[in-house]
Amino acid sequence: MMRFITFGEIMMRLSTEAADTFKTAGHFNINIGGSEMNVAMSLAASGVDVSMITSLPDNGFGRRTVSMLKSNDIETEHINLQGQRMGTYFLEKGFNVRGSSVIYDRKYSSLEQSTRADYAFDKAFEGYDWFHFSGITPALNTEMQAVLMDALEAAKARGMKISADLNFRGNLWSFEEARKTMTKFVKYCDVIFGYEPLELIEDGKEIKDGLERNPDADTLKPILERIHKEYGVSHIAFTQRTVVHSNRNVIKGMISTGGAIHETDAYEVEILDRIGTGDAFTAGVIHGLMDAEMSYADTLQNALGNMLYKHTISGDFLTEDIATMGSVLDATREVKR
């Protein structure tokens, strides 16, 4: 199995009970998470050798986080303990017709204030095969964009597989800025999750503009083929989510290989906690692609099963063996029978 390393911010989440709003909450529950860390936790629980690069404050919260990572078999050698604070965000849990809401409080965090001089990516990447990042990191500031570029150049020079979750956070930057910025990073990638925000210009126009929320494979195929060709990515994986209401969604998984689009059936899921579910899918796809003998069908089944199962777990991450998660979809079928 390949060895996996990732870079990104680890945050503290303060969330309301489902019955409360920001206006009425008398207390908040604490969880630790972050897009890249969530992927790392899922892969580590599935037997992959995993390491995390980040910066955390040298205080009780930072040390608690490092201890948690170590106890979940994640290498922490390249985590800097520096700076004044851990990035936080507040989550108002939605229920039925009331959607969830997030407020960020991550300015001046240890990672956001770190610089290129704080990271030695070439040394950190020794012995690792796969580097992963997300679109959240470059949204923080221009210094983080420079840090990420250093990481990508080091990973590329070593011939590592590189993957990116393009996840967009509207509370951090505009969609137009994200498109222009992510475009230069995706050119380093082998595998991407999602196809927005990413520029795909033809005759001066963005050809993805006007796409419906969940286009079918026939509609997507020429667009995805253009992305494969222009950006040199081997795989484009993503999910399609239909919202019935805040606690009930219908979800399917898809992956494009340049020559074909593979997809799962659509499954209905009841939602206890939606945070981190996309990361569970990402981890599932990476886990499958690391195994040269695993089919795309099995990769998608395990990835979507991992994602659906995460909807039933409170917190930001899932620590179940991805290889067993395809059975979750079989159980769903039985319940709906």
Protein backbone atom coordinates (compact mmCIF):
# COMPACT_ATOMS: atom_id res chain seq x y z
CA MET A 1 0.00 0.00 0.00
CA MET A 2 1.22 3.51 -0.81
CA ARG A 3 2.20 5.97 1.94
CA PHE A 4 0.10 9.14 2.29
CA ILE A 5 0.96 12.65 3.52
CA THR A 6 -1.21 15.76 3.64
CA PHE A 7 -1.01 19.46 4.51
CA GLY A 8 -3.78 21.72 5.82
CA GLU A 9 -5.33 23.37 8.85
CA ILE A 10 -6.70 21.42 11.80
CA MET A 11 -9.50 23.29 13.54
CA MET A 12 -11.64 23.20 16.63
CA ARG A 13 -15.36 22.94 15.92
CA LEU A 14 -17.90 24.33 18.39
CA SER A 15 -21.36 23.06 17.49
CA THR A 16 -24.87 23.57 18.82
CA GLU A 17 -27.29 20.83 19.66
CA ALA A 18 -29.73 20.14 16.85
CA ALA A 19 -32.52 21.84 18.81
CA ASP A 20 -30.54 25.08 19.27
CA THR A 21 -29.52 28.01 17.08
CA PHE A 22 -26.65 30.46 17.53
CA LYS A 23 -29.16 32.79 19.19
CA THR A 24 -30.42 30.25 21.71
CA ALA A 25 -27.43 27.94 22.41
CA GLY A 26 -26.27 27.86 26.02
CA HIS A 27 -23.29 25.60 25.35
CA PHE A 28 -21.30 24.16 22.42
CA ASN A 29 -19.85 20.71 21.82
CA ILE A 30 -16.14 20.48 20.90
CA ASN A 31 -14.82 18.44 17.99
CA ILE A 32 -11.44 18.51 16.24
CA GLY A 33 -11.32 18.30 12.45
CA GLY A 34 -10.36 19.76 9.12
CA SER A 35 -10.69 18.57 5.55
CA GLU A 36 -7.20 17.14 5.16
CA MET A 37 -7.09 15.69 8.68
CA ASN A 38 -10.45 14.00 8.15
CA VAL A 39 -9.08 12.24 5.06
CA ALA A 40 -5.92 11.28 6.95
CA MET A 41 -7.90 9.81 9.87
CA SER A 42 -10.03 7.67 7.58
CA LEU A 43 -7.02 6.33 5.66
CA ALA A 44 -5.04 5.64 8.83
CA ALA A 45 -7.98 3.66 10.22
CA SER A 46 -7.87 1.60 7.01
CA GLY A 47 -4.25 0.55 7.36
CA VAL A 48 -2.55 3.25 5.26
CA ASP A 49 0.73 4.76 6.53
CA VAL A 50 -0.25 8.43 7.04
CA SER A 51 1.51 11.66 8.03
CA MET A 52 0.19 15.19 8.59
CA ILE A 53 1.93 18.53 8.04
CA THR A 54 0.43 21.57 9.78
CA SER A 55 0.98 24.23 12.43
CA LEU A 56 -0.74 24.24 15.82
CA PRO A 57 -0.33 26.41 18.94
CA ASP A 58 1.94 25.12 21.70
CA ASN A 59 -0.86 25.05 24.25
CA GLY A 60 -3.38 22.57 25.63
CA PHE A 61 -5.50 22.54 22.49
CA GLY A 62 -2.54 22.04 20.18
CA ARG A 63 -1.05 19.29 22.32
CA ARG A 64 -4.46 17.62 22.65
CA THR A 65 -4.71 17.54 18.86
CA VAL A 66 -1.23 16.05 18.38
CA SER A 67 -2.03 13.40 20.99
CA MET A 68 -5.28 12.54 19.19
CA LEU A 69 -3.46 12.15 15.87
CA LYS A 70 -0.80 9.92 17.41
CA SER A 71 -3.44 7.73 19.04
CA ASN A 72 -4.99 7.25 15.60
CA ASP A 73 -1.71 6.15 13.98
CA ILE A 74 -0.91 9.43 12.20
CA GLU A 75 2.73 10.52 12.09
CA THR A 76 3.13 13.98 13.68
CA GLU A 77 6.86 14.60 13.20
CA HIS A 78 6.22 17.44 10.74
CA ILE A 79 3.67 19.33 12.83
CA ASN A 80 4.94 22.71 14.04
CA LEU A 81 3.92 23.80 17.54
CA GLN A 82 4.01 27.58 17.18
CA GLY A 83 1.79 30.63 17.07
CA GLN A 84 -0.93 31.84 19.39
CA ARG A 85 -4.17 30.09 18.59
CA MET A 86 -6.00 27.21 16.96
CA GLY A 87 -8.43 28.09 14.19
CA THR A 88 -12.03 27.58 15.22
CA TYR A 89 -15.44 27.50 13.60
CA PHE A 90 -18.95 27.48 14.97
CA LEU A 91 -21.59 25.14 13.55
CA GLU A 92 -25.31 25.64 13.94
CA LYS A 93 -26.72 22.20 13.21
CA GLY A 94 -29.69 22.28 10.87
CA PHE A 95 -32.84 20.25 11.29
CA ASN A 96 -35.53 19.53 8.70
CA VAL A 97 -36.38 22.84 6.97
CA ARG A 98 -33.67 24.74 8.91
CA GLY A 99 -30.30 24.45 7.18
CA SER A 100 -26.93 24.28 8.92
CA SER A 101 -24.82 27.43 9.24
CA VAL A 102 -21.10 28.04 9.85
CA ILE A 103 -19.22 31.01 11.33
CA TYR A 104 -15.40 30.96 10.96
CA ASP A 105 -13.00 32.32 13.56
CA ARG A 106 -9.68 31.29 12.02
CA LYS A 107 -7.90 34.59 11.39
CA TYR A 108 -4.47 34.77 13.10
CA SER A 109 -4.40 31.02 13.72
CA SER A 110 -1.07 29.19 13.90
CA LEU A 111 -1.38 27.91 10.35
CA GLU A 112 -2.80 31.12 8.89
CA GLN A 113 0.14 33.07 10.35
CA SER A 114 2.82 30.55 9.32
CA THR A 115 5.17 31.22 6.40
CA ARG A 116 7.18 29.37 3.76
CA ALA A 117 10.17 29.31 6.12
CA ASP A 118 8.23 27.12 8.57
CA TYR A 119 8.00 24.10 6.25
CA ALA A 120 10.57 21.74 4.74
CA PHE A 121 8.41 19.79 2.32
CA ASP A 122 11.20 18.00 0.50
CA LYS A 123 12.39 16.46 3.76
CA ALA A 124 8.83 15.74 4.96
CA PHE A 125 7.99 13.92 1.71
CA GLU A 126 10.88 11.43 2.02
CA GLY A 127 9.44 7.92 1.77
CA TYR A 128 5.91 9.06 0.91
CA ASP A 129 4.06 8.32 -2.33
CA TRP A 130 0.87 10.41 -2.24
CA PHE A 131 0.35 14.09 -1.35
CA HIS A 132 -3.12 15.54 -0.75
CA PHE A 133 -4.40 19.08 -0.18
CA SER A 134 -7.68 20.98 -0.39
CA GLY A 135 -8.94 24.26 -1.83
CA ILE A 136 -9.46 25.57 1.69
CA THR A 137 -5.73 26.15 2.33
CA PRO A 138 -5.06 28.62 -0.52
CA ALA A 139 -8.24 30.50 0.44
CA LEU A 140 -6.64 31.60 3.72
CA ASN A 141 -4.11 34.12 2.34
CA THR A 142 -1.47 34.66 -0.34
CA GLU A 143 1.31 33.31 1.89
CA MET A 144 -0.54 30.00 2.17
CA GLN A 145 -0.76 29.95 -1.62
CA ALA A 146 3.03 30.30 -1.78
CA VAL A 147 3.46 27.58 0.88
CA LEU A 148 1.20 25.25 -1.07
CA MET A 149 3.10 25.90 -4.29
CA ASP A 150 6.32 24.94 -2.50
CA ALA A 151 4.66 21.68 -1.43
CA LEU A 152 3.42 20.90 -4.93
CA GLU A 153 6.78 21.56 -6.54
CA ALA A 154 8.50 19.32 -4.00
CA ALA A 155 5.94 16.55 -4.48
CA LYS A 156 6.14 16.79 -8.27
CA ALA A 157 9.95 16.66 -8.20
CA ARG A 158 9.71 13.41 -6.24
CA GLY A 159 7.21 11.90 -8.68
CA MET A 160 4.50 11.61 -6.02
CA LYS A 161 0.82 11.17 -6.77
CA ILE A 162 -0.94 14.46 -6.03
CA SER A 163 -4.64 14.89 -5.24
CA ALA A 164 -6.78 17.89 -4.43
CA ASP A 165 -10.26 18.36 -3.07
CA LEU A 166 -11.42 21.52 -4.80
CA ASN A 167 -13.94 22.23 -2.03
CA PHE A 168 -15.04 25.87 -2.12
CA ARG A 169 -15.75 27.91 1.00
CA GLY A 170 -17.75 31.03 0.17
CA ASN A 171 -17.05 32.48 3.63
CA LEU A 172 -13.33 32.61 2.78
CA TRP A 173 -13.16 33.96 -0.79
CA SER A 174 -15.18 34.66 -3.91
CA PHE A 175 -15.98 31.98 -6.48
CA GLU A 176 -14.23 33.99 -9.21
CA GLU A 177 -11.04 34.35 -7.13
CA ALA A 178 -11.16 30.65 -6.28
CA ARG A 179 -11.45 29.68 -9.95
CA LYS A 180 -8.44 31.73 -10.97
CA THR A 181 -6.31 30.58 -8.04
CA MET A 182 -7.15 26.86 -7.99
CA THR A 183 -6.45 26.60 -11.72
CA LYS A 184 -2.69 26.98 -11.20
CA PHE A 185 -2.60 24.32 -8.45
CA VAL A 186 -4.68 21.73 -10.31
CA LYS A 187 -2.06 21.65 -13.07
CA TYR A 188 0.12 19.69 -10.62
CA CYS A 189 -2.58 17.15 -9.79
CA ASP A 190 -3.21 13.56 -10.84
CA VAL A 191 -6.55 13.20 -9.03
CA ILE A 192 -9.11 15.90 -8.26
CA PHE A 193 -12.34 15.81 -6.30
CA GLY A 194 -14.99 17.98 -7.92
CA TYR A 195 -14.72 20.11 -11.04
CA GLU A 196 -15.45 23.51 -9.48
CA PRO A 197 -13.95 26.00 -8.83
CA LEU A 198 -11.80 25.51 -11.92
CA GLU A 199 -11.43 27.54 -15.10
CA LEU A 200 -12.41 25.95 -18.42
CA ILE A 201 -12.56 28.75 -20.97
CA GLU A 202 -13.72 28.43 -24.58
CA ASP A 203 -14.18 31.45 -26.87
CA GLY A 204 -13.76 33.70 -23.85
CA LYS A 205 -16.54 32.03 -21.87
CA GLU A 206 -16.56 29.61 -18.96
CA ILE A 207 -18.15 26.46 -20.41
CA LYS A 208 -19.27 25.13 -17.01
CA ASP A 209 -21.46 28.16 -16.34
CA GLY A 210 -25.11 27.26 -16.70
CA LEU A 211 -24.70 23.62 -15.72
CA GLU A 212 -27.59 22.35 -13.59
CA ARG A 213 -26.80 21.22 -10.05
CA ASN A 214 -26.56 17.49 -10.80
CA PRO A 215 -25.94 17.01 -14.54
CA ASP A 216 -26.05 13.47 -15.91
CA ALA A 217 -22.99 11.61 -17.20
CA ASP A 218 -23.74 12.36 -20.87
CA THR A 219 -23.84 16.09 -20.14
CA LEU A 220 -20.68 15.98 -18.05
CA LYS A 221 -18.57 13.75 -20.29
CA PRO A 222 -17.31 16.38 -22.80
CA ILE A 223 -16.60 18.85 -19.97
CA LEU A 224 -14.69 16.29 -17.92
CA GLU A 225 -12.75 15.16 -20.97
CA ARG A 226 -11.64 18.76 -21.47
CA ILE A 227 -10.45 18.92 -17.87
CA HIS A 228 -8.53 15.67 -18.25
CA LYS A 229 -6.84 17.01 -21.38
CA GLU A 230 -6.13 20.59 -20.32
CA TYR A 231 -5.03 19.86 -16.76
CA GLY A 232 -3.50 16.40 -17.22
CA VAL A 233 -5.47 14.81 -14.38
CA SER A 234 -6.03 11.06 -14.54
CA HIS A 235 -9.15 10.88 -12.34
CA ILE A 236 -11.99 13.26 -11.45
CA ALA A 237 -14.19 12.02 -8.61
CA PHE A 238 -17.26 13.69 -7.13
CA THR A 239 -20.68 13.11 -5.61
CA GLN A 240 -24.10 14.37 -6.52
CA ARG A 241 -26.37 15.30 -3.62
CA THR A 242 -30.11 15.92 -3.83
CA VAL A 243 -31.46 17.60 -0.69
CA VAL A 244 -34.87 16.38 0.45
CA HIS A 245 -34.43 18.43 3.62
CA SER A 246 -31.57 19.14 6.06
CA ASN A 247 -31.67 15.65 7.54
CA ARG A 248 -32.44 13.58 4.45
CA ASN A 249 -30.39 13.57 1.25
CA VAL A 250 -30.06 11.33 -1.80
CA ILE A 251 -26.43 10.80 -2.89
CA LYS A 252 -24.50 9.04 -5.65
CA GLY A 253 -20.78 8.78 -6.43
CA MET A 254 -19.04 9.25 -9.78
CA ILE A 255 -15.51 9.00 -11.14
CA SER A 256 -14.20 9.96 -14.57
CA THR A 257 -11.08 8.26 -15.93
CA GLY A 258 -10.79 10.21 -19.16
CA GLY A 259 -12.22 7.39 -21.19
CA ALA A 260 -15.32 6.58 -19.17
CA ILE A 261 -17.50 7.78 -16.30
CA HIS A 262 -18.30 5.23 -13.62
CA GLU A 263 -21.17 5.87 -11.21
CA THR A 264 -23.06 4.27 -8.35
CA ASP A 265 -26.77 4.04 -7.80
CA ALA A 266 -28.34 6.83 -5.76
CA TYR A 267 -28.90 6.15 -2.05
CA GLU A 268 -31.04 7.94 0.50
CA VAL A 269 -29.46 8.72 3.86
CA GLU A 270 -30.68 10.15 7.16
CA ILE A 271 -28.22 12.73 8.49
CA LEU A 272 -26.93 12.97 12.04
CA ASP A 273 -23.85 15.05 11.12
CA ARG A 274 -23.02 16.15 7.57
CA ILE A 275 -19.60 17.70 8.33
CA GLY A 276 -16.74 15.61 6.94
CA THR A 277 -18.89 13.43 4.70
CA GLY A 278 -17.19 14.66 1.53
CA ASP A 279 -13.83 13.93 3.14
CA ALA A 280 -14.98 10.37 3.83
CA PHE A 281 -15.75 9.96 0.12
CA THR A 282 -12.36 11.44 -0.80
CA ALA A 283 -10.57 9.03 1.52
CA GLY A 284 -12.51 6.12 0.04
CA VAL A 285 -11.53 6.99 -3.52
CA ILE A 286 -7.87 7.50 -2.60
CA HIS A 287 -7.87 4.18 -0.74
CA GLY A 288 -9.23 2.41 -3.82
CA LEU A 289 -6.84 4.10 -6.25
CA MET A 290 -3.91 3.09 -4.06
CA ASP A 291 -4.85 -0.54 -4.72
CA ALA A 292 -3.97 -1.31 -8.34
CA GLU A 293 -6.17 -4.41 -8.27
CA MET A 294 -9.36 -2.71 -7.07
CA SER A 295 -11.99 -1.98 -9.72
CA TYR A 296 -13.58 1.43 -10.10
CA ALA A 297 -16.93 -0.12 -9.16
CA ASP A 298 -15.56 -1.43 -5.86
CA THR A 299 -13.67 1.81 -5.22
CA LEU A 300 -16.87 3.83 -5.62
CA GLN A 301 -18.94 1.41 -3.56
CA ASN A 302 -16.50 1.62 -0.64
CA ALA A 303 -16.10 5.40 -1.00
CA LEU A 304 -19.83 6.09 -1.08
CA GLY A 305 -20.43 3.62 1.74
CA ASN A 306 -17.78 5.43 3.79
CA MET A 307 -19.51 8.72 3.04
CA LEU A 308 -23.01 7.50 3.91
CA TYR A 309 -21.77 5.92 7.13
CA LYS A 310 -20.10 9.20 8.14
CA HIS A 311 -23.53 10.89 7.98
CA THR A 312 -24.48 8.74 10.99
CA ILE A 313 -21.40 9.62 13.08
CA SER A 314 -21.11 12.81 15.17
CA GLY A 315 -17.89 14.75 14.68
CA ASP A 316 -15.71 15.64 11.72
CA PHE A 317 -14.11 12.32 10.82
CA LEU A 318 -14.70 8.58 10.53
CA THR A 319 -12.39 5.82 11.77
CA GLU A 320 -13.80 2.68 10.16
CA ASP A 321 -11.99 0.40 7.71
CA ILE A 322 -12.83 1.69 4.23
CA ALA A 323 -12.47 -1.82 2.78
CA THR A 324 -15.63 -2.88 4.64
CA MET A 325 -17.76 0.15 3.76
CA GLY A 326 -19.27 -1.23 0.55
CA SER A 327 -21.51 -3.35 2.76
CA VAL A 328 -23.18 -0.15 4.00
CA LEU A 329 -24.82 0.23 0.59
CA ASP A 330 -26.08 -3.35 0.70
CA ALA A 331 -27.64 -2.65 4.09
CA THR A 332 -29.28 0.48 2.69
CA ARG A 333 -30.80 -1.54 -0.10
CA GLU A 334 -32.18 -4.05 2.41
CA VAL A 335 -33.80 -1.34 4.51
CA LYS A 336 -35.44 0.23 1.44
CA ARG A 337 -36.64 -3.17 0.11
